[in-house]
Amino acid sequence: MEFIQDIFITGIIMPNNWDENGKVTEIAIYTNTEEIYVLEDNSLNQKLFGLLQKKVELRGKIRLKPDGNRTISAHNYIELDETFGNE
């Protein structure tokens, strides 16, 4: 069974999967509580691909898959000032 919940989440956009040529094919948001949410493919993904290693706040629907993985279908986002590694 799949659990769906609307949520705001803050974290860093990071690569999560690559093709055989090393091109990023999937991204995820990594939170400061060590949770990983794979971003579902939707109209915002191209913009979010441009924000790799940036801190963002996402609003969307989280799905908990039967295998325990979490995904998020982002509805909107705000880019935050911090970037990964500048703390």
PDB file of N, CA and C in Angstrom:
ATOM      1  N   MET A   1       0.839  -1.193   0.000  1.00  0.00           N
ATOM      2  CA  MET A   1       0.000   0.000   0.000  1.00  0.00           C
ATOM      3  C   MET A   1       0.874   1.243   0.000  1.00  0.00           C
ATOM      4  N   GLU A   2       0.419   2.251  -0.657  1.00  0.00           N
ATOM      5  CA  GLU A   2       1.170   3.497  -0.801  1.00  0.00           C
ATOM      6  C   GLU A   2       0.541   4.565   0.087  1.00  0.00           C
ATOM      7  N   PHE A   3       1.374   5.220   0.876  1.00  0.00           N
ATOM      8  CA  PHE A   3       0.915   6.291   1.758  1.00  0.00           C
ATOM      9  C   PHE A   3       1.264   7.623   1.113  1.00  0.00           C
ATOM     10  N   ILE A   4       0.305   8.543   1.033  1.00  0.00           N
ATOM     11  CA  ILE A   4       0.538   9.847   0.407  1.00  0.00           C
ATOM     12  C   ILE A   4       0.245  10.937   1.426  1.00  0.00           C
ATOM     13  N   GLN A   5       1.149  11.943   1.477  1.00  0.00           N
ATOM     14  CA  GLN A   5       0.994  13.037   2.428  1.00  0.00           C
ATOM     15  C   GLN A   5       1.535  14.324   1.806  1.00  0.00           C
ATOM     16  N   ASP A   6       0.807  15.447   1.981  1.00  0.00           N
ATOM     17  CA  ASP A   6       1.307  16.764   1.574  1.00  0.00           C
ATOM     18  C   ASP A   6       2.291  17.244   2.619  1.00  0.00           C
ATOM     19  N   ILE A   7       3.402  17.858   2.173  1.00  0.00           N
ATOM     20  CA  ILE A   7       4.435  18.258   3.127  1.00  0.00           C
ATOM     21  C   ILE A   7       5.301  19.367   2.557  1.00  0.00           C
ATOM     22  N   PHE A   8       5.920  20.130   3.458  1.00  0.00           N
ATOM     23  CA  PHE A   8       7.032  21.025   3.139  1.00  0.00           C
ATOM     24  C   PHE A   8       8.292  20.313   3.599  1.00  0.00           C
ATOM     25  N   ILE A   9       9.329  20.331   2.789  1.00  0.00           N
ATOM     26  CA  ILE A   9      10.572  19.649   3.142  1.00  0.00           C
ATOM     27  C   ILE A   9      11.748  20.513   2.706  1.00  0.00           C
ATOM     28  N   THR A  10      12.785  20.573   3.545  1.00  0.00           N
ATOM     29  CA  THR A  10      13.982  21.357   3.241  1.00  0.00           C
ATOM     30  C   THR A  10      15.180  20.429   3.146  1.00  0.00           C
ATOM     31  N   GLY A  11      15.997  20.664   2.118  1.00  0.00           N
ATOM     32  CA  GLY A  11      17.192  19.851   1.963  1.00  0.00           C
ATOM     33  C   GLY A  11      18.014  20.286   0.771  1.00  0.00           C
ATOM     34  N   ILE A  12      18.979  19.453   0.410  1.00  0.00           N
ATOM     35  CA  ILE A  12      19.907  19.715  -0.687  1.00  0.00           C
ATOM     36  C   ILE A  12      19.512  18.836  -1.873  1.00  0.00           C
ATOM     37  N   ILE A  13      19.429  19.436  -3.060  1.00  0.00           N
ATOM     38  CA  ILE A  13      19.166  18.670  -4.286  1.00  0.00           C
ATOM     39  C   ILE A  13      20.474  17.997  -4.710  1.00  0.00           C
ATOM     40  N   MET A  14      20.443  16.675  -4.834  1.00  0.00           N
ATOM     41  CA  MET A  14      21.639  15.907  -5.171  1.00  0.00           C
ATOM     42  C   MET A  14      21.329  14.892  -6.268  1.00  0.00           C
ATOM     43  N   PRO A  15      22.355  14.523  -7.058  1.00  0.00           N
ATOM     44  CA  PRO A  15      22.151  13.447  -8.031  1.00  0.00           C
ATOM     45  C   PRO A  15      21.811  12.154  -7.298  1.00  0.00           C
ATOM     46  N   ASN A  16      20.953  11.351  -7.900  1.00  0.00           N
ATOM     47  CA  ASN A  16      20.573  10.083  -7.273  1.00  0.00           C
ATOM     48  C   ASN A  16      20.767   8.889  -8.205  1.00  0.00           C
ATOM     49  N   ASN A  17      20.900   9.162  -9.523  1.00  0.00           N
ATOM     50  CA  ASN A  17      21.129   8.097 -10.487  1.00  0.00           C
ATOM     51  C   ASN A  17      21.762   8.703 -11.727  1.00  0.00           C
ATOM     52  N   TRP A  18      22.577   7.894 -12.427  1.00  0.00           N
ATOM     53  CA  TRP A  18      23.298   8.349 -13.607  1.00  0.00           C
ATOM     54  C   TRP A  18      23.132   7.337 -14.730  1.00  0.00           C
ATOM     55  N   ASP A  19      23.283   7.792 -15.999  1.00  0.00           N
ATOM     56  CA  ASP A  19      23.290   6.847 -17.111  1.00  0.00           C
ATOM     57  C   ASP A  19      24.706   6.339 -17.338  1.00  0.00           C
ATOM     58  N   GLU A  20      24.897   5.508 -18.363  1.00  0.00           N
ATOM     59  CA  GLU A  20      26.206   4.898 -18.615  1.00  0.00           C
ATOM     60  C   GLU A  20      27.274   5.913 -19.006  1.00  0.00           C
ATOM     61  N   ASN A  21      26.862   7.125 -19.406  1.00  0.00           N
ATOM     62  CA  ASN A  21      27.810   8.179 -19.760  1.00  0.00           C
ATOM     63  C   ASN A  21      28.090   9.141 -18.611  1.00  0.00           C
ATOM     64  N   GLY A  22      27.517   8.871 -17.450  1.00  0.00           N
ATOM     65  CA  GLY A  22      27.746   9.728 -16.290  1.00  0.00           C
ATOM     66  C   GLY A  22      26.806  10.915 -16.191  1.00  0.00           C
ATOM     67  N   LYS A  23      25.801  10.980 -17.064  1.00  0.00           N
ATOM     68  CA  LYS A  23      24.820  12.070 -17.014  1.00  0.00           C
ATOM     69  C   LYS A  23      23.789  11.774 -15.925  1.00  0.00           C
ATOM     70  N   VAL A  24      23.487  12.787 -15.121  1.00  0.00           N
ATOM     71  CA  VAL A  24      22.502  12.629 -14.051  1.00  0.00           C
ATOM     72  C   VAL A  24      21.122  12.390 -14.675  1.00  0.00           C
ATOM     73  N   THR A  25      20.476  11.305 -14.271  1.00  0.00           N
ATOM     74  CA  THR A  25      19.150  10.970 -14.791  1.00  0.00           C
ATOM     75  C   THR A  25      18.053  11.062 -13.732  1.00  0.00           C
ATOM     76  N   GLU A  26      18.457  11.159 -12.468  1.00  0.00           N
ATOM     77  CA  GLU A  26      17.482  11.212 -11.374  1.00  0.00           C
ATOM     78  C   GLU A  26      18.074  12.043 -10.249  1.00  0.00           C
ATOM     79  N   ILE A  27      17.228  12.848  -9.633  1.00  0.00           N
ATOM     80  CA  ILE A  27      17.679  13.664  -8.512  1.00  0.00           C
ATOM     81  C   ILE A  27      16.828  13.354  -7.284  1.00  0.00           C
ATOM     82  N   ALA A  28      17.376  13.735  -6.127  1.00  0.00           N
ATOM     83  CA  ALA A  28      16.680  13.520  -4.864  1.00  0.00           C
ATOM     84  C   ALA A  28      16.975  14.702  -3.955  1.00  0.00           C
ATOM     85  N   ILE A  29      16.142  14.860  -2.961  1.00  0.00           N
ATOM     86  CA  ILE A  29      16.404  15.864  -1.937  1.00  0.00           C
ATOM     87  C   ILE A  29      16.860  15.118  -0.688  1.00  0.00           C
ATOM     88  N   TYR A  30      18.016  15.553  -0.173  1.00  0.00           N
ATOM     89  CA  TYR A  30      18.615  14.960   1.024  1.00  0.00           C
ATOM     90  C   TYR A  30      18.386  15.937   2.171  1.00  0.00           C
ATOM     91  N   THR A  31      17.702  15.488   3.222  1.00  0.00           N
ATOM     92  CA  THR A  31      17.382  16.375   4.334  1.00  0.00           C
ATOM     93  C   THR A  31      18.477  16.327   5.393  1.00  0.00           C
ATOM     94  N   ASN A  32      18.432  17.275   6.317  1.00  0.00           N
ATOM     95  CA  ASN A  32      19.419  17.297   7.396  1.00  0.00           C
ATOM     96  C   ASN A  32      19.165  16.212   8.437  1.00  0.00           C
ATOM     97  N   THR A  33      18.053  15.486   8.310  1.00  0.00           N
ATOM     98  CA  THR A  33      17.777  14.358   9.194  1.00  0.00           C
ATOM     99  C   THR A  33      18.079  13.027   8.494  1.00  0.00           C
ATOM    100  N   GLU A  34      18.896  13.104   7.434  1.00  0.00           N
ATOM    101  CA  GLU A  34      19.377  11.941   6.685  1.00  0.00           C
ATOM    102  C   GLU A  34      18.273  11.168   5.980  1.00  0.00           C
ATOM    103  N   GLU A  35      17.190  11.843   5.648  1.00  0.00           N
ATOM    104  CA  GLU A  35      16.134  11.230   4.841  1.00  0.00           C
ATOM    105  C   GLU A  35      16.389  11.593   3.384  1.00  0.00           C
ATOM    106  N   ILE A  36      16.052  10.671   2.496  1.00  0.00           N
ATOM    107  CA  ILE A  36      16.237  10.876   1.060  1.00  0.00           C
ATOM    108  C   ILE A  36      14.888  10.688   0.389  1.00  0.00           C
ATOM    109  N   TYR A  37      14.506  11.692  -0.416  1.00  0.00           N
ATOM    110  CA  TYR A  37      13.260  11.635  -1.171  1.00  0.00           C
ATOM    111  C   TYR A  37      13.597  11.795  -2.648  1.00  0.00           C
ATOM    112  N   VAL A  38      13.348  10.752  -3.438  1.00  0.00           N
ATOM    113  CA  VAL A  38      13.586  10.827  -4.875  1.00  0.00           C
ATOM    114  C   VAL A  38      12.517  11.718  -5.482  1.00  0.00           C
ATOM    115  N   LEU A  39      12.939  12.636  -6.361  1.00  0.00           N
ATOM    116  CA  LEU A  39      11.985  13.535  -7.003  1.00  0.00           C
ATOM    117  C   LEU A  39      11.315  12.832  -8.175  1.00  0.00           C
ATOM    118  N   GLU A  40       9.990  12.778  -8.125  1.00  0.00           N
ATOM    119  CA  GLU A  40       9.223  12.186  -9.216  1.00  0.00           C
ATOM    120  C   GLU A  40       9.296  13.106 -10.430  1.00  0.00           C
ATOM    121  N   ASP A  41       9.246  12.509 -11.596  1.00  0.00           N
ATOM    122  CA  ASP A  41       9.322  13.269 -12.840  1.00  0.00           C
ATOM    123  C   ASP A  41       8.037  14.070 -13.037  1.00  0.00           C
ATOM    124  N   ASN A  42       8.169  15.389 -13.079  1.00  0.00           N
ATOM    125  CA  ASN A  42       7.029  16.259 -13.362  1.00  0.00           C
ATOM    126  C   ASN A  42       7.549  17.557 -13.989  1.00  0.00           C
ATOM    127  N   SER A  43       6.695  18.538 -14.139  1.00  0.00           N
ATOM    128  CA  SER A  43       7.066  19.770 -14.849  1.00  0.00           C
ATOM    129  C   SER A  43       8.146  20.586 -14.135  1.00  0.00           C
ATOM    130  N   LEU A  44       8.352  20.405 -12.848  1.00  0.00           N
ATOM    131  CA  LEU A  44       9.377  21.161 -12.117  1.00  0.00           C
ATOM    132  C   LEU A  44      10.767  20.535 -12.205  1.00  0.00           C
ATOM    133  N   ASN A  45      10.860  19.280 -12.643  1.00  0.00           N
ATOM    134  CA  ASN A  45      12.139  18.585 -12.595  1.00  0.00           C
ATOM    135  C   ASN A  45      13.255  19.294 -13.346  1.00  0.00           C
ATOM    136  N   GLN A  46      12.984  19.839 -14.545  1.00  0.00           N
ATOM    137  CA  GLN A  46      14.046  20.520 -15.296  1.00  0.00           C
ATOM    138  C   GLN A  46      14.618  21.688 -14.488  1.00  0.00           C
ATOM    139  N   LYS A  47      13.769  22.445 -13.834  1.00  0.00           N
ATOM    140  CA  LYS A  47      14.246  23.551 -12.995  1.00  0.00           C
ATOM    141  C   LYS A  47      15.052  23.025 -11.810  1.00  0.00           C
ATOM    142  N   LEU A  48      14.586  21.949 -11.202  1.00  0.00           N
ATOM    143  CA  LEU A  48      15.273  21.387 -10.041  1.00  0.00           C
ATOM    144  C   LEU A  48      16.605  20.750 -10.425  1.00  0.00           C
ATOM    145  N   PHE A  49      16.706  20.195 -11.646  1.00  0.00           N
ATOM    146  CA  PHE A  49      17.991  19.676 -12.122  1.00  0.00           C
ATOM    147  C   PHE A  49      19.025  20.799 -12.149  1.00  0.00           C
ATOM    148  N   GLY A  50      18.591  22.012 -12.411  1.00  0.00           N
ATOM    149  CA  GLY A  50      19.484  23.168 -12.439  1.00  0.00           C
ATOM    150  C   GLY A  50      19.906  23.636 -11.058  1.00  0.00           C
ATOM    151  N   LEU A  51      19.374  23.031 -10.023  1.00  0.00           N
ATOM    152  CA  LEU A  51      19.679  23.438  -8.651  1.00  0.00           C
ATOM    153  C   LEU A  51      20.482  22.385  -7.893  1.00  0.00           C
ATOM    154  N   LEU A  52      21.236  21.555  -8.622  1.00  0.00           N
ATOM    155  CA  LEU A  52      22.050  20.541  -7.957  1.00  0.00           C
ATOM    156  C   LEU A  52      22.973  21.187  -6.937  1.00  0.00           C
ATOM    157  N   GLN A  53      23.052  20.591  -5.771  1.00  0.00           N
ATOM    158  CA  GLN A  53      23.858  21.025  -4.634  1.00  0.00           C
ATOM    159  C   GLN A  53      23.392  22.357  -4.042  1.00  0.00           C
ATOM    160  N   LYS A  54      22.155  22.724  -4.305  1.00  0.00           N
ATOM    161  CA  LYS A  54      21.556  23.917  -3.710  1.00  0.00           C
ATOM    162  C   LYS A  54      20.556  23.497  -2.642  1.00  0.00           C
ATOM    163  N   LYS A  55      20.402  24.354  -1.652  1.00  0.00           N
ATOM    164  CA  LYS A  55      19.424  24.110  -0.593  1.00  0.00           C
ATOM    165  C   LYS A  55      18.090  24.694  -1.035  1.00  0.00           C
ATOM    166  N   VAL A  56      17.040  23.897  -0.913  1.00  0.00           N
ATOM    167  CA  VAL A  56      15.707  24.318  -1.325  1.00  0.00           C
ATOM    168  C   VAL A  56      14.675  23.895  -0.289  1.00  0.00           C
ATOM    169  N   GLU A  57      13.536  24.552  -0.362  1.00  0.00           N
ATOM    170  CA  GLU A  57      12.358  24.105   0.360  1.00  0.00           C
ATOM    171  C   GLU A  57      11.351  23.678  -0.698  1.00  0.00           C
ATOM    172  N   LEU A  58      10.891  22.445  -0.612  1.00  0.00           N
ATOM    173  CA  LEU A  58       9.917  21.921  -1.559  1.00  0.00           C
ATOM    174  C   LEU A  58       8.573  21.744  -0.883  1.00  0.00           C
ATOM    175  N   ARG A  59       7.520  21.964  -1.650  1.00  0.00           N
ATOM    176  CA  ARG A  59       6.178  21.598  -1.207  1.00  0.00           C
ATOM    177  C   ARG A  59       5.682  20.571  -2.200  1.00  0.00           C
ATOM    178  N   GLY A  60       5.149  19.474  -1.691  1.00  0.00           N
ATOM    179  CA  GLY A  60       4.664  18.446  -2.587  1.00  0.00           C
ATOM    180  C   GLY A  60       4.028  17.298  -1.852  1.00  0.00           C
ATOM    181  N   LYS A  61       3.791  16.251  -2.616  1.00  0.00           N
ATOM    182  CA  LYS A  61       3.191  15.038  -2.068  1.00  0.00           C
ATOM    183  C   LYS A  61       4.266  13.972  -1.921  1.00  0.00           C
ATOM    184  N   ILE A  62       4.395  13.468  -0.710  1.00  0.00           N
ATOM    185  CA  ILE A  62       5.349  12.390  -0.431  1.00  0.00           C
ATOM    186  C   ILE A  62       4.614  11.064  -0.535  1.00  0.00           C
ATOM    187  N   ARG A  63       5.272  10.130  -1.190  1.00  0.00           N
ATOM    188  CA  ARG A  63       4.741   8.780  -1.284  1.00  0.00           C
ATOM    189  C   ARG A  63       5.724   7.825  -0.605  1.00  0.00           C
ATOM    190  N   LEU A  64       5.211   7.010   0.275  1.00  0.00           N
ATOM    191  CA  LEU A  64       6.009   5.957   0.895  1.00  0.00           C
ATOM    192  C   LEU A  64       5.701   4.678   0.134  1.00  0.00           C
ATOM    193  N   LYS A  65       6.699   4.167  -0.565  1.00  0.00           N
ATOM    194  CA  LYS A  65       6.534   2.984  -1.401  1.00  0.00           C
ATOM    195  C   LYS A  65       6.585   1.723  -0.536  1.00  0.00           C
ATOM    196  N   PRO A  66       6.008   0.627  -1.019  1.00  0.00           N
ATOM    197  CA  PRO A  66       6.026  -0.631  -0.255  1.00  0.00           C
ATOM    198  C   PRO A  66       7.436  -1.105   0.096  1.00  0.00           C
ATOM    199  N   ASP A  67       8.438  -0.750  -0.734  1.00  0.00           N
ATOM    200  CA  ASP A  67       9.810  -1.169  -0.448  1.00  0.00           C
ATOM    201  C   ASP A  67      10.501  -0.268   0.570  1.00  0.00           C
ATOM    202  N   GLY A  68       9.773   0.746   1.087  1.00  0.00           N
ATOM    203  CA  GLY A  68      10.324   1.628   2.102  1.00  0.00           C
ATOM    204  C   GLY A  68      10.934   2.906   1.553  1.00  0.00           C
ATOM    205  N   ASN A  69      11.118   3.001   0.227  1.00  0.00           N
ATOM    206  CA  ASN A  69      11.659   4.220  -0.380  1.00  0.00           C
ATOM    207  C   ASN A  69      10.616   5.324  -0.372  1.00  0.00           C
ATOM    208  N   ARG A  70      11.108   6.554  -0.350  1.00  0.00           N
ATOM    209  CA  ARG A  70      10.220   7.722  -0.344  1.00  0.00           C
ATOM    210  C   ARG A  70      10.454   8.531  -1.606  1.00  0.00           C
ATOM    211  N   THR A  71       9.359   9.009  -2.196  1.00  0.00           N
ATOM    212  CA  THR A  71       9.455   9.900  -3.346  1.00  0.00           C
ATOM    213  C   THR A  71       8.645  11.148  -3.034  1.00  0.00           C
ATOM    214  N   ILE A  72       8.937  12.214  -3.781  1.00  0.00           N
ATOM    215  CA  ILE A  72       8.153  13.435  -3.633  1.00  0.00           C
ATOM    216  C   ILE A  72       7.821  13.975  -5.019  1.00  0.00           C
ATOM    217  N   SER A  73       6.568  14.322  -5.191  1.00  0.00           N
ATOM    218  CA  SER A  73       6.105  15.010  -6.391  1.00  0.00           C
ATOM    219  C   SER A  73       6.000  16.482  -6.008  1.00  0.00           C
ATOM    220  N   ALA A  74       6.994  17.260  -6.435  1.00  0.00           N
ATOM    221  CA  ALA A  74       7.082  18.666  -6.019  1.00  0.00           C
ATOM    222  C   ALA A  74       6.052  19.513  -6.754  1.00  0.00           C
ATOM    223  N   HIS A  75       5.356  20.370  -6.002  1.00  0.00           N
ATOM    224  CA  HIS A  75       4.390  21.306  -6.582  1.00  0.00           C
ATOM    225  C   HIS A  75       5.014  22.687  -6.755  1.00  0.00           C
ATOM    226  N   ASN A  76       5.844  23.086  -5.801  1.00  0.00           N
ATOM    227  CA  ASN A  76       6.582  24.340  -5.927  1.00  0.00           C
ATOM    228  C   ASN A  76       7.806  24.284  -5.019  1.00  0.00           C
ATOM    229  N   TYR A  77       8.685  25.254  -5.210  1.00  0.00           N
ATOM    230  CA  TYR A  77       9.923  25.257  -4.437  1.00  0.00           C
ATOM    231  C   TYR A  77      10.396  26.686  -4.235  1.00  0.00           C
ATOM    232  N   ILE A  78      11.263  26.836  -3.233  1.00  0.00           N
ATOM    233  CA  ILE A  78      11.955  28.098  -2.977  1.00  0.00           C
ATOM    234  C   ILE A  78      13.429  27.757  -2.841  1.00  0.00           C
ATOM    235  N   GLU A  79      14.271  28.432  -3.614  1.00  0.00           N
ATOM    236  CA  GLU A  79      15.715  28.242  -3.459  1.00  0.00           C
ATOM    237  C   GLU A  79      16.167  29.043  -2.247  1.00  0.00           C
ATOM    238  N   LEU A  80      16.876  28.392  -1.348  1.00  0.00           N
ATOM    239  CA  LEU A  80      17.367  29.050  -0.148  1.00  0.00           C
ATOM    240  C   LEU A  80      18.803  29.537  -0.394  1.00  0.00           C
ATOM    241  N   ASP A  81      19.291  30.413   0.439  1.00  0.00           N
ATOM    242  CA  ASP A  81      20.587  31.059   0.215  1.00  0.00           C
ATOM    243  C   ASP A  81      21.781  30.139   0.373  1.00  0.00           C
ATOM    244  N   GLU A  82      21.679  29.139   1.212  1.00  0.00           N
ATOM    245  CA  GLU A  82      22.839  28.290   1.495  1.00  0.00           C
ATOM    246  C   GLU A  82      23.077  27.289   0.380  1.00  0.00           C
ATOM    247  N   THR A  83      24.335  26.958   0.142  1.00  0.00           N
ATOM    248  CA  THR A  83      24.690  25.883  -0.756  1.00  0.00           C
ATOM    249  C   THR A  83      25.480  24.844   0.003  1.00  0.00           C
ATOM    250  N   PHE A  84      25.466  23.637  -0.462  1.00  0.00           N
ATOM    251  CA  PHE A  84      26.157  22.532   0.185  1.00  0.00           C
ATOM    252  C   PHE A  84      27.643  22.833   0.275  1.00  0.00           C
ATOM    253  N   GLY A  85      28.203  22.656   1.453  1.00  0.00           N
ATOM    254  CA  GLY A  85      29.636  22.838   1.634  1.00  0.00           C
ATOM    255  C   GLY A  85      30.058  24.225   2.062  1.00  0.00           C
ATOM    256  N   ASN A  86      29.138  25.150   2.203  1.00  0.00           N
ATOM    257  CA  ASN A  86      29.498  26.522   2.594  1.00  0.00           C
ATOM    258  C   ASN A  86      29.207  26.805   4.053  1.00  0.00           C
ATOM    259  N   GLU A  87      29.012  25.800   4.841  1.00  0.00           N
ATOM    260  CA  GLU A  87      28.674  26.025   6.246  1.00  0.00           C
ATOM    261  C   GLU A  87      29.926  26.135   7.095  1.00  0.00           C
TER     262      GLU A  87
END
